[in-house]
């Protein structure tokens, strides 16, 4: 299975790691907006939804 989490949380996406959240989530920020991102994203649909919340175009 492919992990889509790394490109979503990456510096190229403009995201900055803030802290570890509860369970298997990381809290990242982009333009002052906090995003909850799972550590392992197995679904491309979930990855695209997180990118949409961050204001970025679909990648997967």
N, C-alpha and C. Protein backbone atom coordinates (compact mmCIF):
# COMPACT_ATOMS: atom_id res chain seq x y z
N UNK A 1 0.83 -1.19 0.00
CA UNK A 1 0.00 0.00 0.00
C UNK A 1 0.87 1.24 0.00
N UNK A 2 0.39 2.24 -0.66
CA UNK A 2 1.13 3.48 -0.77
C UNK A 2 0.74 4.42 0.38
N UNK A 3 1.71 5.16 0.87
CA UNK A 3 1.47 6.14 1.92
C UNK A 3 1.47 7.53 1.30
N UNK A 4 0.33 8.21 1.34
CA UNK A 4 0.19 9.53 0.74
C UNK A 4 0.50 10.65 1.73
N UNK A 5 0.85 10.32 2.96
CA UNK A 5 1.05 11.32 4.01
C UNK A 5 2.24 12.23 3.81
N UNK A 6 3.35 11.68 3.33
CA UNK A 6 4.58 12.48 3.22
C UNK A 6 4.40 13.69 2.29
N UNK A 7 3.85 13.54 1.07
CA UNK A 7 3.69 14.73 0.22
C UNK A 7 2.72 15.76 0.80
N UNK A 8 1.73 15.29 1.57
CA UNK A 8 0.75 16.21 2.14
C UNK A 8 1.38 17.05 3.24
N UNK A 9 2.23 16.44 4.06
CA UNK A 9 2.86 17.15 5.18
C UNK A 9 4.15 17.85 4.81
N UNK A 10 4.62 17.69 3.59
CA UNK A 10 5.94 18.16 3.20
C UNK A 10 6.09 19.67 3.12
N UNK A 11 7.34 20.10 3.12
CA UNK A 11 7.67 21.52 3.02
C UNK A 11 7.24 22.09 1.67
N UNK A 12 7.24 21.23 0.64
CA UNK A 12 6.83 21.70 -0.69
C UNK A 12 5.37 22.16 -0.70
N UNK A 13 4.56 21.53 0.14
CA UNK A 13 3.16 21.91 0.24
C UNK A 13 3.00 23.16 1.11
N UNK A 14 4.08 23.63 1.70
CA UNK A 14 4.04 24.82 2.53
C UNK A 14 3.60 24.54 3.95
N UNK A 15 3.59 23.28 4.35
CA UNK A 15 3.16 22.90 5.69
C UNK A 15 4.36 22.84 6.63
N UNK A 16 4.11 23.26 7.84
CA UNK A 16 5.15 23.24 8.87
C UNK A 16 4.65 22.40 10.04
N UNK A 17 5.46 21.45 10.47
CA UNK A 17 5.09 20.57 11.58
C UNK A 17 4.96 21.40 12.85
N UNK A 18 3.84 21.23 13.55
CA UNK A 18 3.61 21.96 14.79
C UNK A 18 3.82 21.04 16.00
N UNK A 19 3.10 19.90 16.02
CA UNK A 19 3.23 18.96 17.13
C UNK A 19 2.54 17.65 16.78
N UNK A 20 2.80 16.64 17.61
CA UNK A 20 2.09 15.37 17.47
C UNK A 20 0.74 15.51 18.15
N UNK A 21 -0.28 14.99 17.52
CA UNK A 21 -1.61 15.01 18.11
C UNK A 21 -1.91 13.70 18.80
N UNK A 22 -3.16 13.53 19.21
CA UNK A 22 -3.57 12.29 19.84
C UNK A 22 -3.64 11.19 18.79
N UNK A 23 -3.48 9.99 19.24
CA UNK A 23 -3.54 8.79 18.38
C UNK A 23 -2.48 8.89 17.29
N UNK A 24 -2.86 8.70 16.05
CA UNK A 24 -1.91 8.67 14.94
C UNK A 24 -2.04 9.91 14.06
N UNK A 25 -2.13 11.07 14.66
CA UNK A 25 -2.28 12.31 13.91
C UNK A 25 -1.15 13.28 14.21
N UNK A 26 -0.82 14.09 13.23
CA UNK A 26 0.13 15.19 13.40
C UNK A 26 -0.62 16.49 13.16
N UNK A 27 -0.24 17.52 13.87
CA UNK A 27 -0.82 18.85 13.68
C UNK A 27 0.20 19.66 12.89
N UNK A 28 -0.20 20.16 11.74
CA UNK A 28 0.66 21.00 10.92
C UNK A 28 -0.02 22.33 10.68
N UNK A 29 0.74 23.33 10.28
CA UNK A 29 0.16 24.63 9.97
C UNK A 29 0.52 25.02 8.55
N UNK A 30 -0.38 25.77 7.94
CA UNK A 30 -0.14 26.34 6.62
C UNK A 30 -0.86 27.67 6.58
N UNK A 31 -0.13 28.73 6.40
CA UNK A 31 -0.69 30.09 6.38
C UNK A 31 -1.51 30.39 7.63
N UNK A 32 -1.03 29.92 8.78
CA UNK A 32 -1.71 30.20 10.04
C UNK A 32 -2.90 29.31 10.32
N UNK A 33 -3.21 28.38 9.42
CA UNK A 33 -4.35 27.49 9.59
C UNK A 33 -3.84 26.13 10.05
N UNK A 34 -4.42 25.58 11.11
CA UNK A 34 -4.00 24.28 11.63
C UNK A 34 -4.70 23.16 10.88
N UNK A 35 -3.93 22.15 10.54
CA UNK A 35 -4.46 20.98 9.84
C UNK A 35 -4.12 19.73 10.63
N UNK A 36 -5.08 18.84 10.78
CA UNK A 36 -4.84 17.55 11.41
C UNK A 36 -4.62 16.55 10.29
N UNK A 37 -3.43 15.95 10.28
CA UNK A 37 -3.05 15.03 9.21
C UNK A 37 -2.70 13.68 9.83
N UNK A 38 -3.35 12.60 9.37
CA UNK A 38 -2.98 11.28 9.86
C UNK A 38 -1.52 10.95 9.52
N UNK A 39 -0.88 10.15 10.36
CA UNK A 39 0.51 9.78 10.12
C UNK A 39 0.63 8.96 8.85
N UNK A 40 -0.26 7.99 8.67
CA UNK A 40 -0.27 7.19 7.45
C UNK A 40 -1.60 7.39 6.74
N UNK A 41 -1.55 7.91 5.54
CA UNK A 41 -2.75 8.10 4.75
C UNK A 41 -2.76 7.02 3.68
N UNK A 42 -3.70 6.10 3.77
CA UNK A 42 -3.76 4.97 2.84
C UNK A 42 -4.61 5.29 1.61
N UNK A 43 -5.50 6.27 1.71
CA UNK A 43 -6.43 6.57 0.63
C UNK A 43 -6.07 7.87 -0.06
N UNK A 44 -6.07 7.85 -1.38
CA UNK A 44 -5.79 9.08 -2.13
C UNK A 44 -6.92 10.08 -1.96
N UNK A 45 -8.13 9.59 -1.69
CA UNK A 45 -9.27 10.48 -1.49
C UNK A 45 -9.10 11.29 -0.19
N UNK A 46 -8.61 10.64 0.84
CA UNK A 46 -8.33 11.33 2.10
C UNK A 46 -7.23 12.37 1.90
N UNK A 47 -6.18 11.99 1.17
CA UNK A 47 -5.08 12.91 0.91
C UNK A 47 -5.57 14.14 0.14
N UNK A 48 -6.40 13.93 -0.87
CA UNK A 48 -6.92 15.05 -1.65
C UNK A 48 -7.85 15.93 -0.81
N UNK A 49 -8.60 15.32 0.12
CA UNK A 49 -9.46 16.09 1.01
C UNK A 49 -8.66 16.99 1.94
N UNK A 50 -7.55 16.49 2.45
CA UNK A 50 -6.69 17.28 3.32
C UNK A 50 -6.06 18.42 2.53
N UNK A 51 -5.63 18.13 1.30
CA UNK A 51 -5.08 19.19 0.45
C UNK A 51 -6.12 20.26 0.15
N UNK A 52 -7.36 19.85 -0.06
CA UNK A 52 -8.44 20.81 -0.31
C UNK A 52 -8.65 21.71 0.92
N UNK A 53 -8.63 21.11 2.12
CA UNK A 53 -8.78 21.90 3.35
C UNK A 53 -7.64 22.90 3.51
N UNK A 54 -6.46 22.53 3.02
CA UNK A 54 -5.29 23.41 3.12
C UNK A 54 -5.29 24.49 2.04
N UNK A 55 -6.20 24.37 1.07
CA UNK A 55 -6.24 25.36 -0.01
C UNK A 55 -5.29 25.05 -1.14
N UNK A 56 -4.91 23.78 -1.28
CA UNK A 56 -3.99 23.35 -2.33
C UNK A 56 -4.76 22.54 -3.38
N UNK A 57 -4.25 22.47 -4.60
CA UNK A 57 -4.93 21.66 -5.63
C UNK A 57 -4.73 20.17 -5.39
N UNK A 58 -5.61 19.37 -6.01
CA UNK A 58 -5.48 17.91 -5.93
C UNK A 58 -4.17 17.47 -6.56
N UNK A 59 -3.56 16.45 -6.00
CA UNK A 59 -2.32 15.92 -6.53
C UNK A 59 -2.49 14.47 -6.93
N UNK A 60 -3.30 13.72 -6.20
CA UNK A 60 -3.40 12.28 -6.41
C UNK A 60 -4.68 11.92 -7.12
